[in-house]
Amino acid sequence: MADRSERSRITAHLASHPKTFVLFATASAFACYFCTYAFRKPFSAATFEGVPLFLSFDGRTLEPKTLFVIAQIFGYCVSKFIGTRLCAELRREDLAKALIITVLLGMLALLGFATLPLPLKVIAIFLNGIPLGVIWGFIVRYLEGRSTSELLLAGLSSSYILSSGEVKRVGRWLIESGVSEFWMPFATGALFLLPFLASVGLLSLLPAPSAEDEALRIRRQPMDRERRWAFMRRFFPGMILLCIAYLFLTAYRDFRDNYQADLFMQMGIEEAAAFSRTERPIAFFVMIVMALLFLIRKNRTALAVSYGIMISGLAMMGGSTWLYQSREISGEMWMIASGLGAYLAYVPFGSLLFDRTIAVTRFQGTAVFAIYVADALGYTGSVGVQLYKDLFAGDESRLDFFMNFTYGMAAVGIPLMAGAMIYFLGQKPEPEPATDA
């Protein structure tokens, strides 16, 4: 009883002290998703060279690492389709319990990855992706619909940029310390389990959005089937443009993330510290840019600026690749510049873009639903790109494929983003009382 009373006092204190709330919520969300990556991404730090596991189609072969990567992405893809309903409908009071259950299930799958025979390891890593794919939506539910959402979501978004490199660095360290490539993902997750549980406890202390938040950003409500279909009917043309762009962006980010170790090796970069050297400046810069959107109070202006940032990121991807091929910049600098451009285009999809869209249109619902619609299609595209690389571009090195993919992403993404911007900025708000739109 005393513990519950203390929790209530902390929640009340956060509700009445906005600056403390922003720091507390940002740190809690950052820590929670940072730790989540320890259960998802460490396996990609391994190369699995020499593992006798191949799958052939008409003389074309999928390599072991590609099989594992695709299996996990398939699990993530399934999870995103589940999340379009689960994350939109789940009650706020059930979020903490759901976070803990999903991570424990993901860790159990990693134990299977370590102990099961080779063919079944593919199934284990597939099962690992299913529970972990909904965690982002659960955390965003704590943060969306607030006047400070840009600051909170910027911190959350920077977590997965930074954590991807850091957990892979831990994974490489464990391998170099003698842990096998198959036990390494479970061992990495075990190191982060207690910090994850602590961060969930902190998240559960956050107060609900205030009346002022709801006036500025519209009240966020769980969406039943009827409201989900109403959203898709209302914004179908714009969602098609965004989903196509996001499909390729997710595939690009996933390829870079999953094969970063391979790309480094092909560029002659072998230190484990390279993961941190490239990802830390990206995370810092993206967090600053996203957080600065908080200064823009008018939702429509902020939405326009968000699209401008995304288009600029796509242009940066293409430009930096040309500079690298022209030997104007080093491979490490290219990884930073192309990664920064990719994340400037990618990060708003998972947070700010749809949060401001809901605020502009005054649609009664939650941004998480739109995020998961885009995510479900995005990971489907990621699977397609992985299969295409090994089955139809097997003779091309991963580095050459990645460079060509970067040019294609810039060429296709910029017009799609521009079209979506014109569409959504042309939308009139629903007939609800509004202070800004």
Protein backbone atom coordinates (compact mmCIF):
# COMPACT_ATOMS: atom_id res chain seq x y z
CA MET A 1 0.00 0.00 0.00
CA ALA A 2 2.85 2.32 0.92
CA ASP A 3 4.55 1.49 -2.35
CA ARG A 4 1.41 2.38 -4.30
CA SER A 5 1.12 5.66 -2.41
CA GLU A 6 4.75 6.51 -3.20
CA ARG A 7 4.19 5.75 -6.89
CA SER A 8 1.14 8.04 -6.88
CA ARG A 9 3.20 10.85 -5.33
CA ILE A 10 5.88 10.47 -7.99
CA THR A 11 3.26 10.53 -10.76
CA ALA A 12 1.61 13.61 -9.26
CA HIS A 13 4.98 15.36 -8.96
CA LEU A 14 5.76 14.65 -12.61
CA ALA A 15 2.34 15.97 -13.66
CA SER A 16 2.93 19.28 -11.87
CA HIS A 17 6.58 19.79 -12.89
CA PRO A 18 6.81 19.85 -16.73
CA LYS A 19 10.61 20.12 -16.98
CA THR A 20 11.13 17.23 -14.58
CA PHE A 21 8.55 15.23 -16.50
CA VAL A 22 10.32 15.76 -19.84
CA LEU A 23 13.68 14.65 -18.44
CA PHE A 24 12.17 11.67 -16.60
CA ALA A 25 10.01 10.50 -19.51
CA THR A 26 12.76 10.92 -22.10
CA ALA A 27 15.31 9.03 -20.01
CA SER A 28 12.84 6.24 -19.20
CA ALA A 29 11.73 5.74 -22.80
CA PHE A 30 15.31 5.95 -24.09
CA ALA A 31 16.51 3.35 -21.59
CA CYS A 32 13.58 1.03 -22.27
CA TYR A 33 14.02 0.86 -26.03
CA PHE A 34 17.81 0.91 -25.80
CA CYS A 35 17.64 -2.24 -23.68
CA THR A 36 15.07 -3.79 -26.04
CA TYR A 37 17.65 -3.77 -28.84
CA ALA A 38 19.84 -6.08 -26.75
CA PHE A 39 17.24 -8.79 -27.36
CA ARG A 40 16.93 -8.06 -31.07
CA LYS A 41 20.10 -6.86 -32.78
CA PRO A 42 23.24 -8.50 -31.30
CA PHE A 43 23.05 -11.52 -33.61
CA SER A 44 23.75 -9.27 -36.60
CA ALA A 45 27.23 -8.56 -35.18
CA ALA A 46 28.14 -12.16 -36.02
CA THR A 47 29.10 -13.24 -39.54
CA PHE A 48 28.16 -16.96 -39.23
CA GLU A 49 30.88 -17.79 -41.73
CA GLY A 50 31.45 -21.52 -42.05
CA VAL A 51 28.02 -22.41 -40.66
CA PRO A 52 26.74 -25.37 -42.74
CA LEU A 53 23.29 -23.95 -43.38
CA PHE A 54 22.24 -22.91 -46.89
CA LEU A 55 19.02 -22.69 -48.86
CA SER A 56 19.18 -22.94 -52.66
CA PHE A 57 16.66 -21.87 -55.30
CA ASP A 58 17.33 -22.70 -58.93
CA GLY A 59 21.07 -22.63 -58.40
CA ARG A 60 20.96 -19.48 -56.28
CA THR A 61 21.92 -19.72 -52.61
CA LEU A 62 20.85 -17.89 -49.47
CA GLU A 63 23.75 -17.55 -47.03
CA PRO A 64 23.33 -18.50 -43.32
CA LYS A 65 23.32 -14.91 -42.08
CA THR A 66 20.77 -13.90 -44.69
CA LEU A 67 18.53 -16.77 -43.59
CA PHE A 68 18.69 -15.61 -39.98
CA VAL A 69 18.15 -11.95 -40.90
CA ILE A 70 15.16 -12.75 -43.12
CA ALA A 71 13.66 -15.06 -40.49
CA GLN A 72 13.77 -12.34 -37.85
CA ILE A 73 12.40 -9.74 -40.25
CA PHE A 74 9.54 -12.11 -41.10
CA GLY A 75 8.79 -12.30 -37.39
CA TYR A 76 8.92 -8.54 -37.15
CA CYS A 77 6.64 -8.22 -40.16
CA VAL A 78 4.06 -10.54 -38.58
CA SER A 79 4.37 -8.54 -35.38
CA LYS A 80 3.67 -5.25 -37.14
CA PHE A 81 0.42 -6.58 -38.62
CA ILE A 82 -0.57 -7.77 -35.14
CA GLY A 83 0.46 -4.39 -33.76
CA THR A 84 -1.94 -2.44 -36.00
CA ARG A 85 -4.66 -3.80 -33.75
CA LEU A 86 -2.91 -4.62 -30.47
CA CYS A 87 -1.03 -1.34 -30.04
CA ALA A 88 -4.08 0.71 -31.01
CA GLU A 89 -6.50 -1.12 -28.68
CA LEU A 90 -4.38 -1.92 -25.60
CA ARG A 91 -5.37 -0.02 -22.47
CA ARG A 92 -2.76 2.26 -20.94
CA GLU A 93 -2.81 0.37 -17.63
CA ASP A 94 -1.79 -2.85 -19.41
CA LEU A 95 1.23 -1.42 -21.24
CA ALA A 96 3.87 -2.21 -18.60
CA LYS A 97 2.76 -5.82 -18.26
CA ALA A 98 2.74 -6.18 -22.05
CA LEU A 99 6.29 -4.79 -22.33
CA ILE A 100 7.67 -7.30 -19.84
CA ILE A 101 5.88 -10.29 -21.38
CA THR A 102 7.07 -9.47 -24.90
CA VAL A 103 10.73 -9.15 -23.91
CA LEU A 104 10.69 -12.37 -21.89
CA LEU A 105 9.21 -14.18 -24.89
CA GLY A 106 11.91 -12.68 -27.11
CA MET A 107 14.60 -13.83 -24.70
CA LEU A 108 13.14 -17.34 -24.58
CA ALA A 109 13.42 -17.45 -28.38
CA LEU A 110 17.10 -16.44 -28.11
CA LEU A 111 17.64 -19.37 -25.77
CA GLY A 112 16.20 -21.57 -28.51
CA PHE A 113 18.55 -19.92 -31.02
CA ALA A 114 21.46 -20.94 -28.80
CA THR A 115 20.40 -24.53 -28.06
CA LEU A 116 18.32 -25.87 -30.95
CA PRO A 117 19.77 -27.73 -33.97
CA LEU A 118 20.78 -25.60 -36.95
CA PRO A 119 17.57 -25.76 -39.03
CA LEU A 120 15.45 -24.96 -35.97
CA LYS A 121 17.59 -21.93 -35.16
CA VAL A 122 15.93 -20.21 -38.12
CA ILE A 123 12.53 -20.79 -36.50
CA ALA A 124 13.85 -19.55 -33.15
CA ILE A 125 15.06 -16.24 -34.57
CA PHE A 126 11.73 -15.88 -36.42
CA LEU A 127 9.91 -16.32 -33.10
CA ASN A 128 12.24 -13.77 -31.53
CA GLY A 129 10.97 -11.09 -33.92
CA ILE A 130 7.26 -11.60 -33.24
CA PRO A 131 7.02 -10.31 -29.64
CA LEU A 132 9.71 -7.64 -30.01
CA GLY A 133 8.01 -5.94 -32.96
CA VAL A 134 5.22 -4.42 -30.86
CA ILE A 135 7.42 -2.85 -28.18
CA TRP A 136 7.94 0.42 -30.06
CA GLY A 137 4.19 0.96 -30.22
CA PHE A 138 3.76 0.27 -26.51
CA ILE A 139 6.38 2.88 -25.60
CA VAL A 140 5.03 5.49 -28.04
CA ARG A 141 1.62 5.09 -26.38
CA TYR A 142 3.17 6.52 -23.20
CA LEU A 143 4.58 9.55 -25.03
CA GLU A 144 2.23 10.61 -27.83
CA GLY A 145 -0.42 13.31 -27.67
CA ARG A 146 1.53 15.69 -25.43
CA SER A 147 2.70 19.25 -26.05
CA THR A 148 6.22 17.97 -25.42
CA SER A 149 5.93 14.89 -27.65
CA GLU A 150 8.71 16.10 -30.01
CA LEU A 151 11.21 16.14 -27.15
CA LEU A 152 10.08 12.78 -25.80
CA LEU A 153 9.94 11.06 -29.17
CA ALA A 154 13.28 12.54 -30.23
CA GLY A 155 14.88 10.91 -27.22
CA LEU A 156 13.12 7.63 -27.94
CA SER A 157 14.12 7.69 -31.61
CA SER A 158 17.77 8.35 -30.84
CA SER A 159 17.78 5.24 -28.65
CA TYR A 160 17.53 2.76 -31.50
CA ILE A 161 20.11 4.59 -33.60
CA LEU A 162 22.61 4.50 -30.75
CA SER A 163 21.66 1.14 -29.27
CA SER A 164 22.06 -0.73 -32.55
CA GLY A 165 25.76 0.07 -32.67
CA GLU A 166 26.29 -0.35 -28.93
CA VAL A 167 24.67 -3.78 -28.56
CA LYS A 168 26.54 -5.01 -31.63
CA ARG A 169 29.73 -3.76 -30.01
CA VAL A 170 28.84 -5.76 -26.89
CA GLY A 171 28.10 -8.74 -29.12
CA ARG A 172 31.48 -8.51 -30.83
CA TRP A 173 33.18 -8.20 -27.44
CA LEU A 174 31.43 -11.35 -26.20
CA ILE A 175 32.48 -13.26 -29.33
CA GLU A 176 36.07 -12.08 -28.93
CA SER A 177 35.86 -13.20 -25.28
CA GLY A 178 35.02 -16.74 -26.33
CA VAL A 179 31.21 -16.80 -26.39
CA SER A 180 29.90 -18.65 -29.45
CA GLU A 181 28.01 -16.76 -32.16
CA PHE A 182 24.81 -18.62 -31.28
CA TRP A 183 24.99 -18.03 -27.50
CA MET A 184 26.11 -14.41 -27.89
CA PRO A 185 22.58 -12.95 -28.53
CA PHE A 186 21.16 -14.60 -25.40
CA ALA A 187 24.16 -13.52 -23.32
CA THR A 188 23.80 -9.94 -24.52
CA GLY A 189 20.10 -9.92 -23.66
CA ALA A 190 20.83 -11.29 -20.18
CA LEU A 191 23.17 -8.36 -19.52
CA PHE A 192 20.37 -5.88 -20.29
CA LEU A 193 17.38 -7.65 -18.67
CA LEU A 194 17.49 -5.96 -15.25
CA PRO A 195 17.98 -2.44 -16.69
CA PHE A 196 15.04 -3.13 -19.01
CA LEU A 197 12.75 -4.13 -16.14
CA ALA A 198 13.78 -1.03 -14.19
CA SER A 199 13.03 1.24 -17.16
CA VAL A 200 9.55 -0.28 -17.57
CA GLY A 201 8.88 0.49 -13.92
CA LEU A 202 9.87 4.11 -14.51
CA LEU A 203 7.69 4.40 -17.63
CA SER A 204 4.67 3.16 -15.69
CA LEU A 205 4.99 6.19 -13.40
CA LEU A 206 4.28 8.68 -16.19
CA PRO A 207 1.04 10.65 -15.82
CA ALA A 208 -1.56 10.66 -18.59
CA PRO A 209 -1.61 13.65 -21.00
CA SER A 210 -3.04 16.79 -19.39
CA ALA A 211 -6.07 18.78 -20.51
CA GLU A 212 -3.68 21.30 -22.10
CA ASP A 213 -1.97 18.49 -24.03
CA GLU A 214 -5.32 17.28 -25.34
CA ALA A 215 -6.29 20.80 -26.40
CA LEU A 216 -3.06 21.25 -28.37
CA ARG A 217 -2.64 17.77 -29.82
CA ILE A 218 -6.16 16.26 -29.69
CA ARG A 219 -7.05 13.52 -27.24
CA ARG A 220 -5.56 10.12 -28.15
CA GLN A 221 -8.06 7.30 -27.86
CA PRO A 222 -7.84 3.54 -28.50
CA MET A 223 -9.07 2.75 -32.02
CA ASP A 224 -11.58 -0.01 -32.63
CA ARG A 225 -12.00 -1.67 -36.01
CA GLU A 226 -14.42 0.98 -37.26
CA ARG A 227 -12.09 3.87 -36.40
CA ARG A 228 -9.11 2.10 -37.98
CA TRP A 229 -11.00 1.68 -41.26
CA ALA A 230 -12.22 5.28 -41.04
CA PHE A 231 -8.60 6.44 -40.79
CA MET A 232 -7.57 4.46 -43.86
CA ARG A 233 -10.54 5.70 -45.90
CA ARG A 234 -9.87 9.30 -44.92
CA PHE A 235 -6.14 9.32 -45.71
CA PHE A 236 -5.76 6.51 -48.25
CA PRO A 237 -3.94 8.43 -51.06
CA GLY A 238 -1.42 9.99 -48.70
CA MET A 239 -0.87 6.75 -46.80
CA ILE A 240 -0.12 4.93 -50.06
CA LEU A 241 2.64 7.44 -50.90
CA LEU A 242 4.08 7.27 -47.40
CA CYS A 243 3.91 3.49 -47.19
CA ILE A 244 5.74 3.02 -50.50
CA ALA A 245 8.49 5.41 -49.37
CA TYR A 246 8.66 3.74 -45.98
CA LEU A 247 8.79 0.28 -47.53
CA PHE A 248 12.06 1.16 -49.26
CA LEU A 249 13.38 3.17 -46.31
CA THR A 250 12.84 0.29 -43.90
CA ALA A 251 14.51 -2.12 -46.30
CA TYR A 252 17.45 0.28 -46.63
CA ARG A 253 17.82 0.86 -42.90
CA ASP A 254 17.53 -2.86 -42.19
CA PHE A 255 20.15 -3.75 -44.79
CA ARG A 256 22.55 -1.17 -43.36
CA ASP A 257 21.84 -2.29 -39.81
CA ASN A 258 22.04 -6.04 -40.36
CA TYR A 259 25.09 -6.02 -42.62
CA GLN A 260 27.00 -3.11 -41.15
CA ALA A 261 29.71 -5.47 -39.90
CA ASP A 262 30.07 -6.88 -43.43
CA LEU A 263 30.13 -3.40 -44.99
CA PHE A 264 32.85 -2.29 -42.59
CA MET A 265 34.96 -5.34 -43.40
CA GLN A 266 34.62 -4.75 -47.16
CA MET A 267 35.79 -1.16 -46.61
CA GLY A 268 38.76 -2.37 -44.55
CA ILE A 269 37.34 -1.22 -41.19
CA GLU A 270 37.73 -4.00 -38.64
CA GLU A 271 37.59 -2.40 -35.15
CA ALA A 272 34.49 -3.11 -33.05
CA ALA A 273 34.61 0.55 -31.97
CA ALA A 274 33.63 1.58 -35.52
CA PHE A 275 29.99 0.80 -34.71
CA SER A 276 30.01 3.42 -31.96
CA ARG A 277 32.07 5.96 -33.92
CA THR A 278 29.52 6.03 -36.74
CA GLU A 279 26.26 5.69 -34.80
CA ARG A 280 26.87 8.07 -31.90
CA PRO A 281 27.12 11.27 -33.98
CA ILE A 282 24.11 10.16 -36.02
CA ALA A 283 22.01 9.60 -32.89
CA PHE A 284 23.08 12.94 -31.41
CA PHE A 285 22.35 14.97 -34.54
CA VAL A 286 18.99 13.29 -35.24
CA MET A 287 17.91 13.81 -31.63
CA ILE A 288 18.75 17.52 -31.80
CA VAL A 289 16.94 18.02 -35.12
CA MET A 290 13.81 16.17 -33.98
CA ALA A 291 13.78 17.92 -30.61
CA LEU A 292 13.97 21.36 -32.25
CA LEU A 293 10.57 20.68 -33.82
CA PHE A 294 9.21 21.19 -30.29
CA LEU A 295 9.85 24.91 -30.77
CA ILE A 296 7.30 25.01 -33.60
CA ARG A 297 3.93 25.33 -31.91
CA LYS A 298 1.78 25.38 -35.05
CA ASN A 299 1.11 21.80 -36.03
CA ARG A 300 0.78 22.48 -39.76
CA THR A 301 4.09 24.35 -39.88
CA ALA A 302 5.80 21.59 -37.91
CA LEU A 303 4.42 18.98 -40.29
CA ALA A 304 5.77 20.89 -43.30
CA VAL A 305 9.20 21.22 -41.67
CA SER A 306 9.18 17.48 -40.87
CA TYR A 307 8.70 16.66 -44.54
CA GLY A 308 11.45 19.11 -45.46
CA ILE A 309 13.84 17.34 -43.10
CA MET A 310 12.94 13.94 -44.56
CA ILE A 311 13.48 15.09 -48.15
CA SER A 312 16.81 16.67 -47.17
CA GLY A 313 17.87 13.38 -45.59
CA LEU A 314 17.16 11.49 -48.80
CA ALA A 315 19.19 14.00 -50.79
CA MET A 316 22.06 13.61 -48.31
CA MET A 317 22.07 9.84 -48.86
CA GLY A 318 22.59 10.19 -52.60
CA GLY A 319 25.07 13.05 -52.33
CA SER A 320 27.29 11.37 -49.75
CA THR A 321 27.41 8.17 -51.79
CA TRP A 322 28.62 10.11 -54.83
CA LEU A 323 31.30 11.77 -52.68
CA TYR A 324 32.46 8.37 -51.38
CA GLN A 325 32.65 6.88 -54.85
CA SER A 326 34.58 9.96 -55.97
CA ARG A 327 37.01 9.36 -53.06
CA GLU A 328 36.20 12.76 -51.59
CA ILE A 329 35.28 11.25 -48.20
CA SER A 330 36.36 8.12 -46.31
CA GLY A 331 34.26 5.00 -45.89
CA GLU A 332 33.60 5.78 -42.24
CA MET A 333 32.54 9.34 -43.04
CA TRP A 334 30.26 7.99 -45.77
CA MET A 335 28.63 5.60 -43.30
CA ILE A 336 27.98 8.54 -40.99
CA ALA A 337 26.60 10.83 -43.73
CA SER A 338 24.46 8.22 -45.49
CA GLY A 339 23.26 6.89 -42.14
CA LEU A 340 22.38 10.39 -40.96
CA GLY A 341 20.41 11.04 -44.14
CA ALA A 342 18.61 7.71 -43.84
CA TYR A 343 17.63 8.29 -40.23
CA LEU A 344 16.50 11.88 -40.88
CA ALA A 345 14.09 10.40 -43.42
CA TYR A 346 13.21 7.31 -41.38
CA VAL A 347 12.86 8.49 -37.78
CA PRO A 348 9.84 10.82 -38.25
CA PHE A 349 7.76 7.87 -39.48
CA GLY A 350 8.06 6.16 -36.11
CA SER A 351 7.02 9.14 -34.05
CA LEU A 352 6.70 12.80 -35.01
CA LEU A 353 5.20 12.58 -38.50
CA PHE A 354 1.97 10.84 -37.55
CA ASP A 355 1.71 12.58 -34.18
CA ARG A 356 1.59 15.96 -35.94
CA THR A 357 -0.66 14.56 -38.68
CA ILE A 358 -3.24 13.54 -36.07
CA ALA A 359 -2.94 16.99 -34.49
CA VAL A 360 -3.36 18.80 -37.83
CA THR A 361 -6.35 16.77 -38.99
CA ARG A 362 -7.93 16.49 -35.50
CA PHE A 363 -8.69 12.84 -36.24
CA GLN A 364 -9.94 10.98 -33.16
CA GLY A 365 -7.46 8.15 -32.75
CA THR A 366 -3.84 7.30 -32.02
CA ALA A 367 -0.68 7.87 -34.04
CA VAL A 368 0.50 4.36 -33.17
CA PHE A 369 -2.02 2.81 -35.57
CA ALA A 370 -0.62 4.76 -38.55
CA ILE A 371 2.92 3.94 -37.46
CA TYR A 372 2.18 0.23 -37.45
CA VAL A 373 0.39 0.26 -40.80
CA ALA A 374 3.54 1.76 -42.32
CA ASP A 375 5.78 -0.59 -40.33
CA ALA A 376 3.93 -3.72 -41.44
CA LEU A 377 4.44 -2.85 -45.10
CA GLY A 378 7.96 -1.59 -44.46
CA TYR A 379 9.23 -4.87 -43.08
CA THR A 380 7.56 -6.73 -45.92
CA GLY A 381 9.75 -4.69 -48.28
CA SER A 382 12.79 -5.45 -46.18
CA VAL A 383 12.28 -9.18 -46.67
CA GLY A 384 11.96 -8.63 -50.42
CA VAL A 385 15.24 -6.74 -50.63
CA GLN A 386 17.10 -9.38 -48.62
CA LEU A 387 15.83 -12.11 -50.94
CA TYR A 388 16.59 -10.09 -54.07
CA LYS A 389 20.20 -9.49 -52.99
CA ASP A 390 21.09 -13.13 -52.46
CA LEU A 391 18.94 -14.70 -55.18
CA PHE A 392 19.28 -12.21 -58.04
CA ALA A 393 22.33 -10.09 -57.18
CA GLY A 394 24.45 -12.76 -55.54
CA ASP A 395 27.55 -11.87 -57.56
CA GLU A 396 27.42 -8.27 -56.37
CA SER A 397 29.21 -7.51 -53.11
CA ARG A 398 27.11 -6.20 -50.24
CA LEU A 399 29.01 -2.93 -50.42
CA ASP A 400 28.28 -2.38 -54.14
CA PHE A 401 24.66 -3.41 -53.65
CA PHE A 402 24.30 -0.97 -50.76
CA MET A 403 25.71 1.92 -52.78
CA ASN A 404 23.33 1.27 -55.67
CA PHE A 405 20.45 0.88 -53.22
CA THR A 406 21.33 4.28 -51.74
CA TYR A 407 21.08 6.01 -55.13
CA GLY A 408 17.77 4.28 -55.83
CA MET A 409 16.38 5.23 -52.43
CA ALA A 410 17.13 8.90 -53.01
CA ALA A 411 15.68 8.89 -56.54
CA VAL A 412 12.43 7.18 -55.53
CA GLY A 413 12.00 8.61 -52.05
CA ILE A 414 12.18 12.33 -52.80
CA PRO A 415 9.18 12.52 -55.18
CA LEU A 416 7.12 10.20 -52.95
CA MET A 417 7.76 12.38 -49.90
CA ALA A 418 7.01 15.54 -51.83
CA GLY A 419 3.69 14.10 -52.99
CA ALA A 420 2.74 13.02 -49.46
CA MET A 421 3.61 16.46 -48.12
CA ILE A 422 1.34 18.18 -50.64
CA TYR A 423 -1.48 15.75 -49.83
CA PHE A 424 -1.42 15.97 -46.03
CA LEU A 425 -0.83 19.71 -45.85
CA GLY A 426 -3.92 20.10 -48.03
CA GLN A 427 -6.13 18.20 -45.57
CA LYS A 428 -8.70 20.17 -43.61
CA PRO A 429 -9.18 19.38 -39.91
CA GLU A 430 -12.19 17.39 -38.77
CA PRO A 431 -14.99 19.54 -37.31
CA GLU A 432 -13.74 19.46 -33.73
CA PRO A 433 -12.93 22.37 -31.42
CA ALA A 434 -9.29 23.22 -32.09
CA THR A 435 -6.78 25.77 -30.92
CA ASP A 436 -4.27 25.08 -33.65
CA ALA A 437 -4.08 23.41 -36.99
